[in-house]
Amino acid sequence: ITIRTPIIPDYTDTKECYNKIKEVMLTNKIKSIEILPYNAYSENYYIALGMKYPLEGTGTVSENELNQVKEYFSTQGIKAKIVS
């Protein structure tokens, strides 16, 4: 099993969130995570459906930030990969 998690600014980009993900992974003996940068392109789907986009105005995550997340999980014994 590989966990896939998006890194969304102001939602899932906190140390607390990473710790909770790590705890779930280690408890369930899951050793692999794929880190996905937040993709604002999904806003177009909401617009097309006439819906308000709940993450409107959310910024992007820098490559440096993604590398820090990868490093965090790697130091916890979890195989981490950034997926674009």
PDB file of N, CA and C in Angstrom:
ATOM      1  N   ILE A   1       0.855  -1.178   0.000  1.00  0.00           N
ATOM      2  CA  ILE A   1       0.000   0.000   0.000  1.00  0.00           C
ATOM      3  C   ILE A   1       0.893   1.231   0.000  1.00  0.00           C
ATOM      4  N   THR A   2       0.523   2.195  -0.806  1.00  0.00           N
ATOM      5  CA  THR A   2       1.210   3.483  -0.822  1.00  0.00           C
ATOM      6  C   THR A   2       0.182   4.566  -0.536  1.00  0.00           C
ATOM      7  N   ILE A   3       0.475   5.402   0.426  1.00  0.00           N
ATOM      8  CA  ILE A   3      -0.373   6.548   0.739  1.00  0.00           C
ATOM      9  C   ILE A   3      -0.074   7.648  -0.269  1.00  0.00           C
ATOM     10  N   ARG A   4      -1.106   8.315  -0.757  1.00  0.00           N
ATOM     11  CA  ARG A   4      -0.921   9.490  -1.620  1.00  0.00           C
ATOM     12  C   ARG A   4      -1.587  10.657  -0.904  1.00  0.00           C
ATOM     13  N   THR A   5      -0.841  11.718  -0.706  1.00  0.00           N
ATOM     14  CA  THR A   5      -1.417  12.867  -0.018  1.00  0.00           C
ATOM     15  C   THR A   5      -1.026  14.168  -0.703  1.00  0.00           C
ATOM     16  N   PRO A   6      -2.024  15.014  -0.981  1.00  0.00           N
ATOM     17  CA  PRO A   6      -1.702  16.328  -1.536  1.00  0.00           C
ATOM     18  C   PRO A   6      -1.231  17.265  -0.427  1.00  0.00           C
ATOM     19  N   ILE A   7      -0.304  18.130  -0.757  1.00  0.00           N
ATOM     20  CA  ILE A   7       0.147  19.147   0.186  1.00  0.00           C
ATOM     21  C   ILE A   7      -0.553  20.444  -0.212  1.00  0.00           C
ATOM     22  N   ILE A   8      -1.561  20.813   0.568  1.00  0.00           N
ATOM     23  CA  ILE A   8      -2.395  21.976   0.281  1.00  0.00           C
ATOM     24  C   ILE A   8      -2.071  23.067   1.296  1.00  0.00           C
ATOM     25  N   PRO A   9      -1.598  24.228   0.807  1.00  0.00           N
ATOM     26  CA  PRO A   9      -1.259  25.324   1.724  1.00  0.00           C
ATOM     27  C   PRO A   9      -2.428  25.672   2.646  1.00  0.00           C
ATOM     28  N   ASP A  10      -2.126  25.829   3.913  1.00  0.00           N
ATOM     29  CA  ASP A  10      -3.084  26.183   4.960  1.00  0.00           C
ATOM     30  C   ASP A  10      -4.071  25.070   5.298  1.00  0.00           C
ATOM     31  N   TYR A  11      -3.886  23.867   4.743  1.00  0.00           N
ATOM     32  CA  TYR A  11      -4.762  22.739   5.055  1.00  0.00           C
ATOM     33  C   TYR A  11      -3.958  21.518   5.492  1.00  0.00           C
ATOM     34  N   THR A  12      -3.089  21.051   4.618  1.00  0.00           N
ATOM     35  CA  THR A  12      -2.341  19.822   4.923  1.00  0.00           C
ATOM     36  C   THR A  12      -0.834  20.049   4.948  1.00  0.00           C
ATOM     37  N   ASP A  13      -0.413  21.274   5.093  1.00  0.00           N
ATOM     38  CA  ASP A  13       1.028  21.570   5.051  1.00  0.00           C
ATOM     39  C   ASP A  13       1.605  21.900   6.423  1.00  0.00           C
ATOM     40  N   THR A  14       1.105  21.226   7.446  1.00  0.00           N
ATOM     41  CA  THR A  14       1.578  21.497   8.799  1.00  0.00           C
ATOM     42  C   THR A  14       2.291  20.276   9.382  1.00  0.00           C
ATOM     43  N   LYS A  15       3.166  20.528  10.299  1.00  0.00           N
ATOM     44  CA  LYS A  15       3.889  19.454  10.994  1.00  0.00           C
ATOM     45  C   LYS A  15       2.893  18.529  11.705  1.00  0.00           C
ATOM     46  N   GLU A  16       1.837  19.113  12.272  1.00  0.00           N
ATOM     47  CA  GLU A  16       0.812  18.311  12.949  1.00  0.00           C
ATOM     48  C   GLU A  16       0.174  17.317  11.976  1.00  0.00           C
ATOM     49  N   CYS A  17      -0.142  17.772  10.779  1.00  0.00           N
ATOM     50  CA  CYS A  17      -0.732  16.903   9.766  1.00  0.00           C
ATOM     51  C   CYS A  17       0.246  15.801   9.375  1.00  0.00           C
ATOM     52  N   TYR A  18       1.496  16.153   9.155  1.00  0.00           N
ATOM     53  CA  TYR A  18       2.505  15.155   8.793  1.00  0.00           C
ATOM     54  C   TYR A  18       2.661  14.113   9.891  1.00  0.00           C
ATOM     55  N   ASN A  19       2.643  14.558  11.145  1.00  0.00           N
ATOM     56  CA  ASN A  19       2.763  13.629  12.265  1.00  0.00           C
ATOM     57  C   ASN A  19       1.596  12.642  12.303  1.00  0.00           C
ATOM     58  N   LYS A  20       0.390  13.134  12.041  1.00  0.00           N
ATOM     59  CA  LYS A  20      -0.782  12.252  12.054  1.00  0.00           C
ATOM     60  C   LYS A  20      -0.715  11.238  10.917  1.00  0.00           C
ATOM     61  N   ILE A  21      -0.296  11.697   9.746  1.00  0.00           N
ATOM     62  CA  ILE A  21      -0.142  10.782   8.611  1.00  0.00           C
ATOM     63  C   ILE A  21       0.898   9.716   8.954  1.00  0.00           C
ATOM     64  N   LYS A  22       2.019  10.156   9.518  1.00  0.00           N
ATOM     65  CA  LYS A  22       3.087   9.223   9.914  1.00  0.00           C
ATOM     66  C   LYS A  22       2.575   8.195  10.917  1.00  0.00           C
ATOM     67  N   GLU A  23       1.826   8.645  11.921  1.00  0.00           N
ATOM     68  CA  GLU A  23       1.298   7.735  12.938  1.00  0.00           C
ATOM     69  C   GLU A  23       0.402   6.666  12.313  1.00  0.00           C
ATOM     70  N   VAL A  24      -0.495   7.081  11.429  1.00  0.00           N
ATOM     71  CA  VAL A  24      -1.385   6.135  10.754  1.00  0.00           C
ATOM     72  C   VAL A  24      -0.571   5.149   9.925  1.00  0.00           C
ATOM     73  N   MET A  25       0.422   5.673   9.222  1.00  0.00           N
ATOM     74  CA  MET A  25       1.243   4.805   8.377  1.00  0.00           C
ATOM     75  C   MET A  25       2.008   3.787   9.210  1.00  0.00           C
ATOM     76  N   LEU A  26       2.675   4.228  10.251  1.00  0.00           N
ATOM     77  CA  LEU A  26       3.472   3.320  11.059  1.00  0.00           C
ATOM     78  C   LEU A  26       2.603   2.319  11.815  1.00  0.00           C
ATOM     79  N   THR A  27       1.447   2.764  12.297  1.00  0.00           N
ATOM     80  CA  THR A  27       0.515   1.861  12.984  1.00  0.00           C
ATOM     81  C   THR A  27       0.056   0.737  12.070  1.00  0.00           C
ATOM     82  N   ASN A  28      -0.112   1.075  10.793  1.00  0.00           N
ATOM     83  CA  ASN A  28      -0.604   0.097   9.819  1.00  0.00           C
ATOM     84  C   ASN A  28       0.500  -0.519   8.969  1.00  0.00           C
ATOM     85  N   LYS A  29       1.748  -0.290   9.380  1.00  0.00           N
ATOM     86  CA  LYS A  29       2.920  -0.842   8.697  1.00  0.00           C
ATOM     87  C   LYS A  29       2.969  -0.473   7.213  1.00  0.00           C
ATOM     88  N   ILE A  30       2.583   0.749   6.913  1.00  0.00           N
ATOM     89  CA  ILE A  30       2.659   1.276   5.550  1.00  0.00           C
ATOM     90  C   ILE A  30       3.970   2.032   5.435  1.00  0.00           C
ATOM     91  N   LYS A  31       4.773   1.682   4.465  1.00  0.00           N
ATOM     92  CA  LYS A  31       6.146   2.199   4.379  1.00  0.00           C
ATOM     93  C   LYS A  31       6.391   3.123   3.192  1.00  0.00           C
ATOM     94  N   SER A  32       5.334   3.522   2.463  1.00  0.00           N
ATOM     95  CA  SER A  32       5.540   4.309   1.258  1.00  0.00           C
ATOM     96  C   SER A  32       4.488   5.412   1.134  1.00  0.00           C
ATOM     97  N   ILE A  33       4.953   6.612   0.777  1.00  0.00           N
ATOM     98  CA  ILE A  33       4.042   7.740   0.586  1.00  0.00           C
ATOM     99  C   ILE A  33       4.418   8.483  -0.693  1.00  0.00           C
ATOM    100  N   GLU A  34       3.406   8.898  -1.425  1.00  0.00           N
ATOM    101  CA  GLU A  34       3.595   9.763  -2.578  1.00  0.00           C
ATOM    102  C   GLU A  34       3.050  11.134  -2.216  1.00  0.00           C
ATOM    103  N   ILE A  35       3.885  12.140  -2.373  1.00  0.00           N
ATOM    104  CA  ILE A  35       3.554  13.513  -2.010  1.00  0.00           C
ATOM    105  C   ILE A  35       3.147  14.256  -3.276  1.00  0.00           C
ATOM    106  N   LEU A  36       1.939  14.793  -3.271  1.00  0.00           N
ATOM    107  CA  LEU A  36       1.426  15.490  -4.441  1.00  0.00           C
ATOM    108  C   LEU A  36       1.324  16.982  -4.168  1.00  0.00           C
ATOM    109  N   PRO A  37       1.909  17.811  -5.019  1.00  0.00           N
ATOM    110  CA  PRO A  37       1.750  19.258  -4.836  1.00  0.00           C
ATOM    111  C   PRO A  37       0.307  19.656  -5.148  1.00  0.00           C
ATOM    112  N   TYR A  38      -0.191  20.622  -4.427  1.00  0.00           N
ATOM    113  CA  TYR A  38      -1.544  21.123  -4.665  1.00  0.00           C
ATOM    114  C   TYR A  38      -1.680  21.586  -6.105  1.00  0.00           C
ATOM    115  N   ASN A  39      -2.792  21.206  -6.731  1.00  0.00           N
ATOM    116  CA  ASN A  39      -3.052  21.541  -8.121  1.00  0.00           C
ATOM    117  C   ASN A  39      -4.322  22.387  -8.212  1.00  0.00           C
ATOM    118  N   ALA A  40      -4.163  23.661  -8.487  1.00  0.00           N
ATOM    119  CA  ALA A  40      -5.307  24.579  -8.538  1.00  0.00           C
ATOM    120  C   ALA A  40      -6.153  24.420  -9.796  1.00  0.00           C
ATOM    121  N   TYR A  41      -5.721  23.585 -10.718  1.00  0.00           N
ATOM    122  CA  TYR A  41      -6.479  23.415 -11.958  1.00  0.00           C
ATOM    123  C   TYR A  41      -7.864  22.827 -11.729  1.00  0.00           C
ATOM    124  N   SER A  42      -8.062  22.156 -10.617  1.00  0.00           N
ATOM    125  CA  SER A  42      -9.380  21.578 -10.343  1.00  0.00           C
ATOM    126  C   SER A  42     -10.455  22.658 -10.199  1.00  0.00           C
ATOM    127  N   GLU A  43     -10.031  23.895  -9.974  1.00  0.00           N
ATOM    128  CA  GLU A  43     -10.996  24.991  -9.865  1.00  0.00           C
ATOM    129  C   GLU A  43     -11.847  25.093 -11.127  1.00  0.00           C
ATOM    130  N   ASN A  44     -11.264  24.793 -12.275  1.00  0.00           N
ATOM    131  CA  ASN A  44     -12.008  24.877 -13.536  1.00  0.00           C
ATOM    132  C   ASN A  44     -13.191  23.920 -13.572  1.00  0.00           C
ATOM    133  N   TYR A  45     -13.068  22.761 -12.951  1.00  0.00           N
ATOM    134  CA  TYR A  45     -14.174  21.807 -12.911  1.00  0.00           C
ATOM    135  C   TYR A  45     -15.335  22.376 -12.098  1.00  0.00           C
ATOM    136  N   TYR A  46     -15.031  23.012 -11.002  1.00  0.00           N
ATOM    137  CA  TYR A  46     -16.074  23.625 -10.185  1.00  0.00           C
ATOM    138  C   TYR A  46     -16.775  24.733 -10.962  1.00  0.00           C
ATOM    139  N   ILE A  47     -15.996  25.563 -11.640  1.00  0.00           N
ATOM    140  CA  ILE A  47     -16.567  26.656 -12.432  1.00  0.00           C
ATOM    141  C   ILE A  47     -17.489  26.090 -13.505  1.00  0.00           C
ATOM    142  N   ALA A  48     -17.042  25.043 -14.200  1.00  0.00           N
ATOM    143  CA  ALA A  48     -17.842  24.431 -15.257  1.00  0.00           C
ATOM    144  C   ALA A  48     -19.164  23.877 -14.723  1.00  0.00           C
ATOM    145  N   LEU A  49     -19.159  23.444 -13.479  1.00  0.00           N
ATOM    146  CA  LEU A  49     -20.374  22.906 -12.857  1.00  0.00           C
ATOM    147  C   LEU A  49     -21.195  23.975 -12.150  1.00  0.00           C
ATOM    148  N   GLY A  50     -20.718  25.217 -12.216  1.00  0.00           N
ATOM    149  CA  GLY A  50     -21.431  26.316 -11.576  1.00  0.00           C
ATOM    150  C   GLY A  50     -21.347  26.293 -10.061  1.00  0.00           C
ATOM    151  N   MET A  51     -20.284  25.709  -9.546  1.00  0.00           N
ATOM    152  CA  MET A  51     -20.114  25.583  -8.099  1.00  0.00           C
ATOM    153  C   MET A  51     -19.011  26.513  -7.610  1.00  0.00           C
ATOM    154  N   LYS A  52     -19.110  26.898  -6.339  1.00  0.00           N
ATOM    155  CA  LYS A  52     -18.065  27.713  -5.714  1.00  0.00           C
ATOM    156  C   LYS A  52     -16.902  26.797  -5.343  1.00  0.00           C
ATOM    157  N   TYR A  53     -15.701  27.222  -5.685  1.00  0.00           N
ATOM    158  CA  TYR A  53     -14.504  26.434  -5.395  1.00  0.00           C
ATOM    159  C   TYR A  53     -14.084  26.687  -3.950  1.00  0.00           C
ATOM    160  N   PRO A  54     -14.083  25.649  -3.105  1.00  0.00           N
ATOM    161  CA  PRO A  54     -13.792  25.852  -1.680  1.00  0.00           C
ATOM    162  C   PRO A  54     -12.354  26.261  -1.364  1.00  0.00           C
ATOM    163  N   LEU A  55     -11.438  26.054  -2.290  1.00  0.00           N
ATOM    164  CA  LEU A  55     -10.038  26.399  -2.043  1.00  0.00           C
ATOM    165  C   LEU A  55      -9.604  27.616  -2.845  1.00  0.00           C
ATOM    166  N   GLU A  56     -10.566  28.439  -3.219  1.00  0.00           N
ATOM    167  CA  GLU A  56     -10.269  29.631  -4.017  1.00  0.00           C
ATOM    168  C   GLU A  56      -9.205  30.484  -3.329  1.00  0.00           C
ATOM    169  N   GLY A  57      -8.219  30.897  -4.101  1.00  0.00           N
ATOM    170  CA  GLY A  57      -7.166  31.752  -3.565  1.00  0.00           C
ATOM    171  C   GLY A  57      -6.031  31.001  -2.893  1.00  0.00           C
ATOM    172  N   THR A  58      -6.115  29.674  -2.876  1.00  0.00           N
ATOM    173  CA  THR A  58      -5.058  28.886  -2.262  1.00  0.00           C
ATOM    174  C   THR A  58      -3.809  28.956  -3.133  1.00  0.00           C
ATOM    175  N   GLY A  59      -2.694  29.217  -2.521  1.00  0.00           N
ATOM    176  CA  GLY A  59      -1.433  29.340  -3.247  1.00  0.00           C
ATOM    177  C   GLY A  59      -0.852  27.990  -3.624  1.00  0.00           C
ATOM    178  N   THR A  60       0.334  28.018  -4.159  1.00  0.00           N
ATOM    179  CA  THR A  60       1.011  26.787  -4.538  1.00  0.00           C
ATOM    180  C   THR A  60       2.087  26.445  -3.513  1.00  0.00           C
ATOM    181  N   VAL A  61       2.614  25.268  -3.633  1.00  0.00           N
ATOM    182  CA  VAL A  61       3.666  24.805  -2.743  1.00  0.00           C
ATOM    183  C   VAL A  61       4.978  24.822  -3.529  1.00  0.00           C
ATOM    184  N   SER A  62       6.007  25.381  -2.936  1.00  0.00           N
ATOM    185  CA  SER A  62       7.292  25.466  -3.635  1.00  0.00           C
ATOM    186  C   SER A  62       7.983  24.097  -3.654  1.00  0.00           C
ATOM    187  N   GLU A  63       8.913  23.962  -4.573  1.00  0.00           N
ATOM    188  CA  GLU A  63       9.687  22.731  -4.672  1.00  0.00           C
ATOM    189  C   GLU A  63      10.479  22.499  -3.384  1.00  0.00           C
ATOM    190  N   ASN A  64      10.966  23.570  -2.799  1.00  0.00           N
ATOM    191  CA  ASN A  64      11.695  23.476  -1.542  1.00  0.00           C
ATOM    192  C   ASN A  64      10.802  22.913  -0.430  1.00  0.00           C
ATOM    193  N   GLU A  65       9.567  23.391  -0.349  1.00  0.00           N
ATOM    194  CA  GLU A  65       8.638  22.892   0.671  1.00  0.00           C
ATOM    195  C   GLU A  65       8.338  21.410   0.458  1.00  0.00           C
ATOM    196  N   LEU A  66       8.132  21.021  -0.804  1.00  0.00           N
ATOM    197  CA  LEU A  66       7.873  19.612  -1.100  1.00  0.00           C
ATOM    198  C   LEU A  66       9.056  18.749  -0.701  1.00  0.00           C
ATOM    199  N   ASN A  67      10.256  19.232  -0.961  1.00  0.00           N
ATOM    200  CA  ASN A  67      11.455  18.487  -0.572  1.00  0.00           C
ATOM    201  C   ASN A  67      11.574  18.356   0.943  1.00  0.00           C
ATOM    202  N   GLN A  68      11.141  19.379   1.673  1.00  0.00           N
ATOM    203  CA  GLN A  68      11.168  19.313   3.142  1.00  0.00           C
ATOM    204  C   GLN A  68      10.191  18.251   3.643  1.00  0.00           C
ATOM    205  N   VAL A  69       9.021  18.167   3.011  1.00  0.00           N
ATOM    206  CA  VAL A  69       8.032  17.146   3.386  1.00  0.00           C
ATOM    207  C   VAL A  69       8.604  15.753   3.099  1.00  0.00           C
ATOM    208  N   LYS A  70       9.194  15.607   1.930  1.00  0.00           N
ATOM    209  CA  LYS A  70       9.809  14.328   1.560  1.00  0.00           C
ATOM    210  C   LYS A  70      10.883  13.948   2.571  1.00  0.00           C
ATOM    211  N   GLU A  71      11.719  14.892   2.935  1.00  0.00           N
ATOM    212  CA  GLU A  71      12.785  14.643   3.899  1.00  0.00           C
ATOM    213  C   GLU A  71      12.211  14.241   5.261  1.00  0.00           C
ATOM    214  N   TYR A  72      11.132  14.890   5.681  1.00  0.00           N
ATOM    215  CA  TYR A  72      10.493  14.555   6.963  1.00  0.00           C
ATOM    216  C   TYR A  72      10.105  13.078   6.984  1.00  0.00           C
ATOM    217  N   PHE A  73       9.384  12.634   5.953  1.00  0.00           N
ATOM    218  CA  PHE A  73       8.939  11.242   5.931  1.00  0.00           C
ATOM    219  C   PHE A  73      10.117  10.285   5.783  1.00  0.00           C
ATOM    220  N   SER A  74      11.090  10.656   4.993  1.00  0.00           N
ATOM    221  CA  SER A  74      12.275   9.802   4.808  1.00  0.00           C
ATOM    222  C   SER A  74      12.999   9.575   6.129  1.00  0.00           C
ATOM    223  N   THR A  75      13.114  10.624   6.947  1.00  0.00           N
ATOM    224  CA  THR A  75      13.807  10.483   8.236  1.00  0.00           C
ATOM    225  C   THR A  75      13.002   9.648   9.235  1.00  0.00           C
ATOM    226  N   GLN A  76      11.730   9.398   8.923  1.00  0.00           N
ATOM    227  CA  GLN A  76      10.881   8.580   9.779  1.00  0.00           C
ATOM    228  C   GLN A  76      10.872   7.112   9.327  1.00  0.00           C
ATOM    229  N   GLY A  77      11.720   6.799   8.333  1.00  0.00           N
ATOM    230  CA  GLY A  77      11.787   5.432   7.828  1.00  0.00           C
ATOM    231  C   GLY A  77      10.726   5.111   6.796  1.00  0.00           C
ATOM    232  N   ILE A  78      10.148   6.141   6.221  1.00  0.00           N
ATOM    233  CA  ILE A  78       9.098   5.974   5.215  1.00  0.00           C
ATOM    234  C   ILE A  78       9.658   6.356   3.855  1.00  0.00           C
ATOM    235  N   LYS A  79       9.457   5.483   2.875  1.00  0.00           N
ATOM    236  CA  LYS A  79       9.906   5.779   1.512  1.00  0.00           C
ATOM    237  C   LYS A  79       9.000   6.867   0.939  1.00  0.00           C
ATOM    238  N   ALA A  80       9.574   8.025   0.632  1.00  0.00           N
ATOM    239  CA  ALA A  80       8.791   9.184   0.172  1.00  0.00           C
ATOM    240  C   ALA A  80       9.189   9.559  -1.252  1.00  0.00           C
ATOM    241  N   LYS A  81       8.190   9.908  -2.035  1.00  0.00           N
ATOM    242  CA  LYS A  81       8.404  10.291  -3.431  1.00  0.00           C
ATOM    243  C   LYS A  81       7.483  11.460  -3.755  1.00  0.00           C
ATOM    244  N   ILE A  82       8.009  12.460  -4.448  1.00  0.00           N
ATOM    245  CA  ILE A  82       7.197  13.587  -4.902  1.00  0.00           C
ATOM    246  C   ILE A  82       6.659  13.232  -6.290  1.00  0.00           C
ATOM    247  N   VAL A  83       5.356  13.333  -6.448  1.00  0.00           N
ATOM    248  CA  VAL A  83       4.700  13.000  -7.710  1.00  0.00           C
ATOM    249  C   VAL A  83       4.089  14.271  -8.279  1.00  0.00           C
ATOM    250  N   SER A  84       4.471  14.599  -9.488  1.00  0.00           N
ATOM    251  CA  SER A  84       3.929  15.809 -10.117  1.00  0.00           C
ATOM    252  C   SER A  84       2.747  15.487 -10.999  1.00  0.00           C
TER     253      SER A  84
END
